[in-house]
Amino acid sequence: MIQRIQTVYLILTFIATSVLMLFIPLWTLKTGKVFYFNQDPVYNIIVGLSTMLTIVSIISYKKRQNQFVLNRLNIILNLILLGLFVYRSLNLSGETANVVSEKGIGMFLPIVAIVLLVLANKAIKKDEDLVKSVDRLR
């Protein structure tokens, strides 16, 4: 359901993990070429799984507990992706004579996705608590 706030958070997560990753570079190599996530198969697989989990979580809006678990798995995948990005960026050579490698803003997209997933999980938890309180009254 689009009127639920967690669905909005999940759609924003989908945009951050899939659409923006295609257009925002992760870093610039020493040769001046821009590096996107889809140039490495490991990044491609993890981003694909994260995007798929986000879509499945959006679709399963009637099963709040499953949605909560899927979001937690998605958070773990994004943490792994962030760790791989940090590891790779620390292994990139720094500034040399005339060749500079720059880290791009695309490395922060997993952080944005994690924050949005945490917000979605808080909203799901709030909905679950509301449903339990209403069931108690019956």
Protein backbone atom coordinates (compact mmCIF):
# COMPACT_ATOMS: atom_id res chain seq x y z
CA MET A 1 0.00 0.00 0.00
CA ILE A 2 1.45 3.30 -1.07
CA GLN A 3 -0.22 5.29 1.72
CA ARG A 4 1.91 3.62 4.39
CA ILE A 5 5.07 5.52 5.26
CA GLN A 6 7.23 2.39 5.22
CA THR A 7 6.31 1.85 1.57
CA VAL A 8 7.54 5.36 0.80
CA TYR A 9 10.78 4.61 2.64
CA LEU A 10 11.15 1.36 0.73
CA ILE A 11 10.54 3.07 -2.62
CA LEU A 12 13.22 5.62 -1.73
CA THR A 13 15.51 2.72 -0.80
CA PHE A 14 14.79 1.12 -4.18
CA ILE A 15 15.72 4.38 -5.89
CA ALA A 16 18.93 4.67 -3.85
CA THR A 17 20.03 1.08 -4.42
CA SER A 18 19.15 0.62 -8.05
CA VAL A 19 18.49 3.76 -10.03
CA LEU A 20 21.08 6.06 -8.47
CA MET A 21 23.76 3.37 -8.50
CA LEU A 22 23.53 3.31 -12.29
CA PHE A 23 24.23 7.02 -12.67
CA ILE A 24 26.45 8.01 -9.74
CA PRO A 25 30.08 6.84 -9.94
CA LEU A 26 31.75 5.13 -7.01
CA TRP A 27 35.20 6.53 -7.71
CA THR A 28 37.53 7.71 -10.43
CA LEU A 29 40.46 5.48 -11.29
CA LYS A 30 44.01 6.73 -11.75
CA THR A 31 43.58 6.54 -15.51
CA GLY A 32 40.71 9.02 -15.31
CA LYS A 33 38.02 6.47 -16.04
CA VAL A 34 34.92 6.58 -13.88
CA PHE A 35 34.11 3.38 -11.99
CA TYR A 36 30.46 2.36 -11.58
CA PHE A 37 29.22 -0.51 -9.42
CA ASN A 38 28.21 -2.63 -12.42
CA GLN A 39 31.83 -2.94 -13.54
CA ASP A 40 32.51 -5.43 -10.73
CA PRO A 41 30.49 -8.67 -10.60
CA VAL A 42 30.54 -8.87 -6.78
CA TYR A 43 29.03 -5.38 -6.45
CA ASN A 44 26.57 -6.26 -9.19
CA ILE A 45 25.34 -9.35 -7.32
CA ILE A 46 25.02 -7.62 -3.95
CA VAL A 47 23.20 -4.58 -5.38
CA GLY A 48 20.93 -6.91 -7.38
CA LEU A 49 20.05 -8.90 -4.25
CA SER A 50 19.46 -5.71 -2.28
CA THR A 51 17.18 -4.33 -4.98
CA MET A 52 15.30 -7.63 -5.23
CA LEU A 53 14.81 -7.73 -1.44
CA THR A 54 13.48 -4.18 -1.52
CA ILE A 55 10.97 -5.03 -4.26
CA VAL A 56 9.83 -8.19 -2.44
CA SER A 57 9.48 -6.17 0.77
CA ILE A 58 7.34 -3.56 -0.99
CA ILE A 59 5.11 -6.27 -2.45
CA SER A 60 4.68 -8.11 0.85
CA TYR A 61 3.00 -5.22 2.65
CA LYS A 62 0.31 -7.48 4.15
CA LYS A 63 2.89 -9.62 5.98
CA ARG A 64 4.55 -7.10 8.28
CA GLN A 65 6.79 -9.62 10.04
CA ASN A 66 8.18 -10.93 6.75
CA GLN A 67 8.67 -7.37 5.59
CA PHE A 68 10.58 -6.61 8.79
CA VAL A 69 12.86 -9.64 8.32
CA LEU A 70 13.47 -8.82 4.64
CA ASN A 71 14.45 -5.29 5.59
CA ARG A 72 16.91 -6.60 8.16
CA LEU A 73 18.49 -8.88 5.56
CA ASN A 74 18.65 -5.90 3.23
CA ILE A 75 20.41 -3.85 5.93
CA ILE A 76 22.99 -6.64 6.31
CA LEU A 77 23.55 -6.74 2.53
CA ASN A 78 24.01 -2.98 2.43
CA LEU A 79 26.48 -3.15 5.32
CA ILE A 80 28.46 -5.78 3.42
CA LEU A 81 28.36 -3.59 0.31
CA LEU A 82 29.49 -0.57 2.32
CA GLY A 83 32.33 -2.61 3.81
CA LEU A 84 33.44 -3.68 0.34
CA PHE A 85 33.34 -0.06 -0.85
CA VAL A 86 35.41 1.11 2.12
CA TYR A 87 37.90 -1.73 1.66
CA ARG A 88 38.25 -0.92 -2.02
CA SER A 89 38.58 2.81 -1.41
CA LEU A 90 41.30 2.27 1.17
CA ASN A 91 43.18 0.13 -1.34
CA LEU A 92 42.92 2.77 -4.06
CA SER A 93 46.15 4.58 -4.43
CA GLY A 94 46.11 8.13 -3.16
CA GLU A 95 47.39 11.20 -4.91
CA THR A 96 50.48 10.71 -7.00
CA ALA A 97 52.35 13.09 -9.29
CA ASN A 98 49.71 14.07 -11.87
CA VAL A 99 47.26 11.24 -11.40
CA VAL A 100 44.61 11.57 -8.72
CA SER A 101 42.07 8.94 -7.76
CA GLU A 102 38.91 10.44 -6.33
CA LYS A 103 36.30 8.75 -4.24
CA GLY A 104 32.79 9.42 -5.53
CA ILE A 105 29.56 10.14 -3.73
CA GLY A 106 28.17 6.79 -4.87
CA MET A 107 29.96 5.13 -1.96
CA PHE A 108 27.49 6.76 0.44
CA LEU A 109 24.36 5.35 -1.20
CA PRO A 110 24.41 2.18 0.96
CA ILE A 111 24.38 4.46 4.03
CA VAL A 112 21.31 6.24 2.67
CA ALA A 113 19.67 2.87 1.99
CA ILE A 114 20.47 1.64 5.51
CA VAL A 115 18.97 4.76 7.10
CA LEU A 116 15.82 4.44 4.97
CA LEU A 117 15.50 0.74 5.83
CA VAL A 118 15.83 1.47 9.55
CA LEU A 119 13.11 4.12 9.24
CA ALA A 120 10.91 1.63 7.38
CA ASN A 121 11.47 -0.98 10.10
CA LYS A 122 10.51 1.55 12.78
CA ALA A 123 7.27 2.29 10.91
CA ILE A 124 6.56 -1.43 10.48
CA LYS A 125 7.13 -1.99 14.19
CA LYS A 126 4.77 0.90 14.96
CA ASP A 127 2.09 -0.62 12.72
CA GLU A 128 2.55 -4.02 14.33
CA ASP A 129 2.21 -2.53 17.81
CA LEU A 130 -0.94 -0.70 16.72
CA VAL A 131 -2.51 -3.89 15.36
CA LYS A 132 -1.63 -5.78 18.56
CA SER A 133 -3.17 -3.06 20.72
CA VAL A 134 -6.38 -3.12 18.68
CA ASP A 135 -6.51 -6.93 18.94
CA ARG A 136 -6.19 -6.62 22.70
CA LEU A 137 -9.32 -4.46 22.83
CA ARG A 138 -11.50 -7.01 21.02
